[in-house]
Amino acid sequence: MSNEEITHDDIRAMRMADSVHFHTYQGRSWIVAELREYGLGRIYTATEQRLFTDTRRYAAERSRDIAVADQRLEDYSGRDGEYQALASYCPKEVWLTIVAALRPGDKLGFHWVASNNSESMREIDYHHDQLRLIASASDGDRRKHRHWIIADQFGPDNTARMVRREAHARS
């Protein structure tokens, strides 16, 4: 686990964001907080410009990446393979409740759960993927870990999954 601690500005950006996305790719995890224009010619305040410095994203006008210190993956499918992309979105109402509990110095972690399926889901070739966010207090006290379910996805077992496997080249 790295020493990535969230800052007051990270929390402020997450609170101000129009949308928040969660990503893990090639062993690195991060949260993307975005401000969107929605085609209305939005004028950004000085605070928004300071907090959301990245202007190169495809869908967002301004964004900020927030480092996640740790990630864990559980796969209940029994299949071998590497995961290439794990991504999810959280509704703003849920996210604002979580952000209210975060403090500067907290360390964030992702816990991805793939194929947490019931027998009836397996019979129709559906899956259940889940993302949990864990915030650890900066003093390292294990009793101060807070857990939230960020996203639950149920659906066909295809490429639109939240937890996707890496495609291997055919020989």
C-alpha atoms as a PDB file:
ATOM      1  CA  MET A   1       0.000   0.000   0.000  1.00  0.00           C
ATOM      2  CA  SER A   2       1.437   3.373  -0.940  1.00  0.00           C
ATOM      3  CA  ASN A   3       1.341   6.491   1.227  1.00  0.00           C
ATOM      4  CA  GLU A   4      -1.143   8.338  -0.999  1.00  0.00           C
ATOM      5  CA  GLU A   5      -3.277  10.436   1.330  1.00  0.00           C
ATOM      6  CA  ILE A   6      -6.170  12.536   0.110  1.00  0.00           C
ATOM      7  CA  THR A   7      -5.948  16.283   0.617  1.00  0.00           C
ATOM      8  CA  HIS A   8      -8.458  18.972   1.514  1.00  0.00           C
ATOM      9  CA  ASP A   9      -8.421  20.012  -2.173  1.00  0.00           C
ATOM     10  CA  ASP A  10      -9.129  16.398  -3.274  1.00  0.00           C
ATOM     11  CA  ILE A  11     -12.172  16.275  -0.993  1.00  0.00           C
ATOM     12  CA  ARG A  12     -13.332  19.686  -2.166  1.00  0.00           C
ATOM     13  CA  ALA A  13     -13.000  18.654  -5.825  1.00  0.00           C
ATOM     14  CA  MET A  14     -14.922  15.419  -5.196  1.00  0.00           C
ATOM     15  CA  ARG A  15     -17.693  17.431  -3.546  1.00  0.00           C
ATOM     16  CA  MET A  16     -17.873  19.946  -6.429  1.00  0.00           C
ATOM     17  CA  ALA A  17     -17.659  17.383  -9.257  1.00  0.00           C
ATOM     18  CA  ASP A  18     -20.541  16.857 -11.680  1.00  0.00           C
ATOM     19  CA  SER A  19     -19.541  13.193 -12.021  1.00  0.00           C
ATOM     20  CA  VAL A  20     -17.101  10.795 -10.382  1.00  0.00           C
ATOM     21  CA  HIS A  21     -15.608   7.644 -11.949  1.00  0.00           C
ATOM     22  CA  PHE A  22     -13.438   4.897 -10.440  1.00  0.00           C
ATOM     23  CA  HIS A  23     -10.660   3.134 -12.359  1.00  0.00           C
ATOM     24  CA  THR A  24      -8.031   0.441 -11.934  1.00  0.00           C
ATOM     25  CA  TYR A  25      -5.698  -0.341 -14.818  1.00  0.00           C
ATOM     26  CA  GLN A  26      -2.319  -2.091 -14.918  1.00  0.00           C
ATOM     27  CA  GLY A  27      -1.965  -2.089 -11.137  1.00  0.00           C
ATOM     28  CA  ARG A  28      -2.801   1.602 -10.673  1.00  0.00           C
ATOM     29  CA  SER A  29      -6.061   2.937  -9.232  1.00  0.00           C
ATOM     30  CA  TRP A  30      -7.552   6.403  -9.266  1.00  0.00           C
ATOM     31  CA  ILE A  31     -10.745   8.433  -9.007  1.00  0.00           C
ATOM     32  CA  VAL A  32     -11.640  10.922 -11.736  1.00  0.00           C
ATOM     33  CA  ALA A  33     -13.683  13.910 -10.577  1.00  0.00           C
ATOM     34  CA  GLU A  34     -15.137  15.845 -13.541  1.00  0.00           C
ATOM     35  CA  LEU A  35     -16.781  19.163 -14.252  1.00  0.00           C
ATOM     36  CA  ARG A  36     -18.860  19.156 -17.433  1.00  0.00           C
ATOM     37  CA  GLU A  37     -19.966  21.918 -19.721  1.00  0.00           C
ATOM     38  CA  TYR A  38     -23.106  20.182 -21.044  1.00  0.00           C
ATOM     39  CA  GLY A  39     -22.918  22.336 -24.199  1.00  0.00           C
ATOM     40  CA  LEU A  40     -23.942  25.456 -22.313  1.00  0.00           C
ATOM     41  CA  GLY A  41     -20.689  27.412 -22.512  1.00  0.00           C
ATOM     42  CA  ARG A  42     -19.942  27.098 -18.788  1.00  0.00           C
ATOM     43  CA  ILE A  43     -17.664  29.690 -17.237  1.00  0.00           C
ATOM     44  CA  TYR A  44     -15.441  28.136 -14.572  1.00  0.00           C
ATOM     45  CA  THR A  45     -14.717  29.945 -11.309  1.00  0.00           C
ATOM     46  CA  ALA A  46     -11.136  30.508 -10.162  1.00  0.00           C
ATOM     47  CA  THR A  47     -11.592  27.754  -7.558  1.00  0.00           C
ATOM     48  CA  GLU A  48     -12.850  25.291 -10.188  1.00  0.00           C
ATOM     49  CA  GLN A  49      -9.892  26.122 -12.434  1.00  0.00           C
ATOM     50  CA  ARG A  50      -7.452  25.598  -9.547  1.00  0.00           C
ATOM     51  CA  LEU A  51      -8.986  22.296  -8.408  1.00  0.00           C
ATOM     52  CA  PHE A  52      -9.747  20.801 -11.852  1.00  0.00           C
ATOM     53  CA  THR A  53      -6.514  21.351 -13.751  1.00  0.00           C
ATOM     54  CA  ASP A  54      -6.789  18.669 -16.450  1.00  0.00           C
ATOM     55  CA  THR A  55      -8.513  20.008 -19.570  1.00  0.00           C
ATOM     56  CA  ARG A  56      -7.602  17.204 -21.993  1.00  0.00           C
ATOM     57  CA  ARG A  57     -10.297  14.624 -21.248  1.00  0.00           C
ATOM     58  CA  TYR A  58     -12.598  13.583 -24.053  1.00  0.00           C
ATOM     59  CA  ALA A  59     -15.987  13.874 -22.312  1.00  0.00           C
ATOM     60  CA  ALA A  60     -15.258  16.375 -19.547  1.00  0.00           C
ATOM     61  CA  GLU A  61     -14.260  19.980 -19.846  1.00  0.00           C
ATOM     62  CA  ARG A  62     -12.159  19.900 -16.667  1.00  0.00           C
ATOM     63  CA  SER A  63     -11.125  17.012 -14.415  1.00  0.00           C
ATOM     64  CA  ARG A  64      -8.921  15.999 -11.496  1.00  0.00           C
ATOM     65  CA  ASP A  65      -7.330  12.595 -10.834  1.00  0.00           C
ATOM     66  CA  ILE A  66      -7.218  11.490  -7.198  1.00  0.00           C
ATOM     67  CA  ALA A  67      -4.797   8.698  -6.334  1.00  0.00           C
ATOM     68  CA  VAL A  68      -6.032   5.552  -4.615  1.00  0.00           C
ATOM     69  CA  ALA A  69      -3.471   3.938  -2.349  1.00  0.00           C
ATOM     70  CA  ASP A  70      -4.547   0.308  -2.564  1.00  0.00           C
ATOM     71  CA  GLN A  71      -6.667  -2.056  -4.629  1.00  0.00           C
ATOM     72  CA  ARG A  72      -7.816  -5.619  -4.202  1.00  0.00           C
ATOM     73  CA  LEU A  73      -9.672  -7.972  -6.541  1.00  0.00           C
ATOM     74  CA  GLU A  74     -11.689 -11.075  -5.718  1.00  0.00           C
ATOM     75  CA  ASP A  75     -12.923 -13.262  -8.571  1.00  0.00           C
ATOM     76  CA  TYR A  76     -15.443 -15.960  -7.736  1.00  0.00           C
ATOM     77  CA  SER A  77     -15.695 -17.311 -11.299  1.00  0.00           C
ATOM     78  CA  GLY A  78     -12.791 -19.734 -10.911  1.00  0.00           C
ATOM     79  CA  ARG A  79     -11.352 -18.615 -14.273  1.00  0.00           C
ATOM     80  CA  ASP A  80      -7.712 -17.662 -14.635  1.00  0.00           C
ATOM     81  CA  GLY A  81      -6.593 -14.467 -16.309  1.00  0.00           C
ATOM     82  CA  GLU A  82      -5.524 -10.922 -15.836  1.00  0.00           C
ATOM     83  CA  TYR A  83      -7.870  -7.964 -15.592  1.00  0.00           C
ATOM     84  CA  GLN A  84      -7.232  -5.083 -17.930  1.00  0.00           C
ATOM     85  CA  ALA A  85      -9.820  -2.533 -16.900  1.00  0.00           C
ATOM     86  CA  LEU A  86     -12.039  -1.998 -13.964  1.00  0.00           C
ATOM     87  CA  ALA A  87     -14.270   1.044 -14.142  1.00  0.00           C
ATOM     88  CA  SER A  88     -17.396   2.266 -12.473  1.00  0.00           C
ATOM     89  CA  TYR A  89     -19.583   5.300 -11.911  1.00  0.00           C
ATOM     90  CA  CYS A  90     -21.382   6.355  -8.702  1.00  0.00           C
ATOM     91  CA  PRO A  91     -24.566   8.473  -8.554  1.00  0.00           C
ATOM     92  CA  LYS A  92     -23.904  11.950  -7.170  1.00  0.00           C
ATOM     93  CA  GLU A  93     -26.344  11.592  -4.263  1.00  0.00           C
ATOM     94  CA  VAL A  94     -24.527   8.481  -3.022  1.00  0.00           C
ATOM     95  CA  TRP A  95     -21.107   9.989  -3.652  1.00  0.00           C
ATOM     96  CA  LEU A  96     -21.835  13.190  -1.681  1.00  0.00           C
ATOM     97  CA  THR A  97     -22.842  11.098   1.341  1.00  0.00           C
ATOM     98  CA  ILE A  98     -19.501   9.275   1.179  1.00  0.00           C
ATOM     99  CA  VAL A  99     -17.441  12.436   0.615  1.00  0.00           C
ATOM    100  CA  ALA A 100     -18.979  13.985   3.748  1.00  0.00           C
ATOM    101  CA  ALA A 101     -17.290  11.225   5.793  1.00  0.00           C
ATOM    102  CA  LEU A 102     -13.817  11.635   4.226  1.00  0.00           C
ATOM    103  CA  ARG A 103     -11.081  13.607   5.978  1.00  0.00           C
ATOM    104  CA  PRO A 104      -7.748  15.013   4.754  1.00  0.00           C
ATOM    105  CA  GLY A 105      -5.056  12.409   5.352  1.00  0.00           C
ATOM    106  CA  ASP A 106      -7.372   9.439   4.769  1.00  0.00           C
ATOM    107  CA  LYS A 107      -6.088   6.708   2.451  1.00  0.00           C
ATOM    108  CA  LEU A 108      -8.541   5.305  -0.065  1.00  0.00           C
ATOM    109  CA  GLY A 109      -8.677   1.748  -1.343  1.00  0.00           C
ATOM    110  CA  PHE A 110     -10.778  -0.123  -3.888  1.00  0.00           C
ATOM    111  CA  HIS A 111     -12.100  -3.643  -3.366  1.00  0.00           C
ATOM    112  CA  TRP A 112     -13.375  -5.024  -6.692  1.00  0.00           C
ATOM    113  CA  VAL A 113     -15.486  -8.194  -6.573  1.00  0.00           C
ATOM    114  CA  ALA A 114     -15.990 -10.088  -9.840  1.00  0.00           C
ATOM    115  CA  SER A 115     -18.580 -12.801 -10.487  1.00  0.00           C
ATOM    116  CA  ASN A 116     -20.190 -12.781  -7.047  1.00  0.00           C
ATOM    117  CA  ASN A 117     -23.012 -14.775  -8.628  1.00  0.00           C
ATOM    118  CA  SER A 118     -25.885 -16.854  -7.372  1.00  0.00           C
ATOM    119  CA  GLU A 119     -26.738 -20.206  -8.975  1.00  0.00           C
ATOM    120  CA  SER A 120     -29.745 -18.715 -10.786  1.00  0.00           C
ATOM    121  CA  MET A 121     -27.521 -15.974 -12.282  1.00  0.00           C
ATOM    122  CA  ARG A 122     -25.033 -18.572 -13.536  1.00  0.00           C
ATOM    123  CA  GLU A 123     -27.864 -20.535 -15.196  1.00  0.00           C
ATOM    124  CA  ILE A 124     -28.745 -17.557 -17.423  1.00  0.00           C
ATOM    125  CA  ASP A 125     -25.060 -16.520 -17.943  1.00  0.00           C
ATOM    126  CA  TYR A 126     -25.351 -13.300 -15.930  1.00  0.00           C
ATOM    127  CA  HIS A 127     -22.787 -11.829 -13.551  1.00  0.00           C
ATOM    128  CA  HIS A 128     -22.697  -9.700 -10.413  1.00  0.00           C
ATOM    129  CA  ASP A 129     -19.696  -7.367 -10.102  1.00  0.00           C
ATOM    130  CA  GLN A 130     -19.227  -4.966  -7.218  1.00  0.00           C
ATOM    131  CA  LEU A 131     -16.943  -2.105  -6.192  1.00  0.00           C
ATOM    132  CA  ARG A 132     -16.373  -1.169  -2.570  1.00  0.00           C
ATOM    133  CA  LEU A 133     -14.501   1.919  -1.362  1.00  0.00           C
ATOM    134  CA  ILE A 134     -12.456   1.678   1.837  1.00  0.00           C
ATOM    135  CA  ALA A 135     -11.238   4.809   3.625  1.00  0.00           C
ATOM    136  CA  SER A 136      -8.566   4.308   6.284  1.00  0.00           C
ATOM    137  CA  ALA A 137      -7.896   6.923   8.923  1.00  0.00           C
ATOM    138  CA  SER A 138      -4.540   8.637   8.637  1.00  0.00           C
ATOM    139  CA  ASP A 139      -3.425   7.413  12.074  1.00  0.00           C
ATOM    140  CA  GLY A 140      -3.548   3.796  10.832  1.00  0.00           C
ATOM    141  CA  ASP A 141      -6.074   2.620  13.440  1.00  0.00           C
ATOM    142  CA  ARG A 142      -7.772  -0.476  11.919  1.00  0.00           C
ATOM    143  CA  ARG A 143     -10.973   0.349  13.803  1.00  0.00           C
ATOM    144  CA  LYS A 144     -11.246   3.518  11.743  1.00  0.00           C
ATOM    145  CA  HIS A 145     -11.699   1.812   8.368  1.00  0.00           C
ATOM    146  CA  ARG A 146     -14.943   2.842   6.698  1.00  0.00           C
ATOM    147  CA  HIS A 147     -16.506   0.768   3.900  1.00  0.00           C
ATOM    148  CA  TRP A 148     -19.059   1.733   1.249  1.00  0.00           C
ATOM    149  CA  ILE A 149     -20.534  -0.147  -1.698  1.00  0.00           C
ATOM    150  CA  ILE A 150     -19.965   2.218  -4.621  1.00  0.00           C
ATOM    151  CA  ALA A 151     -21.420   0.156  -7.440  1.00  0.00           C
ATOM    152  CA  ASP A 152     -23.290  -3.093  -8.043  1.00  0.00           C
ATOM    153  CA  GLN A 153     -23.656  -4.354 -11.590  1.00  0.00           C
ATOM    154  CA  PHE A 154     -25.883  -7.223 -12.694  1.00  0.00           C
ATOM    155  CA  GLY A 155     -26.092  -8.199 -16.345  1.00  0.00           C
ATOM    156  CA  PRO A 156     -25.013 -10.426 -19.218  1.00  0.00           C
ATOM    157  CA  ASP A 157     -21.487 -11.792 -19.002  1.00  0.00           C
ATOM    158  CA  ASN A 158     -20.063  -9.739 -21.882  1.00  0.00           C
ATOM    159  CA  THR A 159     -17.617  -6.898 -22.619  1.00  0.00           C
ATOM    160  CA  ALA A 160     -19.856  -4.296 -20.947  1.00  0.00           C
ATOM    161  CA  ARG A 161     -18.976  -5.666 -17.514  1.00  0.00           C
ATOM    162  CA  MET A 162     -17.651  -3.414 -14.776  1.00  0.00           C
ATOM    163  CA  VAL A 163     -14.748  -5.854 -14.209  1.00  0.00           C
ATOM    164  CA  ARG A 164     -13.284  -6.877 -17.573  1.00  0.00           C
ATOM    165  CA  ARG A 165     -10.659  -9.473 -18.353  1.00  0.00           C
ATOM    166  CA  GLU A 166      -7.589  -8.744 -20.429  1.00  0.00           C
ATOM    167  CA  ALA A 167      -7.808 -10.003 -23.990  1.00  0.00           C
ATOM    168  CA  HIS A 168      -4.888 -12.312 -24.754  1.00  0.00           C
ATOM    169  CA  ALA A 169      -3.433 -12.550 -28.236  1.00  0.00           C
ATOM    170  CA  ARG A 170      -4.203 -15.783 -30.058  1.00  0.00           C
ATOM    171  CA  SER A 171      -1.238 -17.799 -31.265  1.00  0.00           C
END
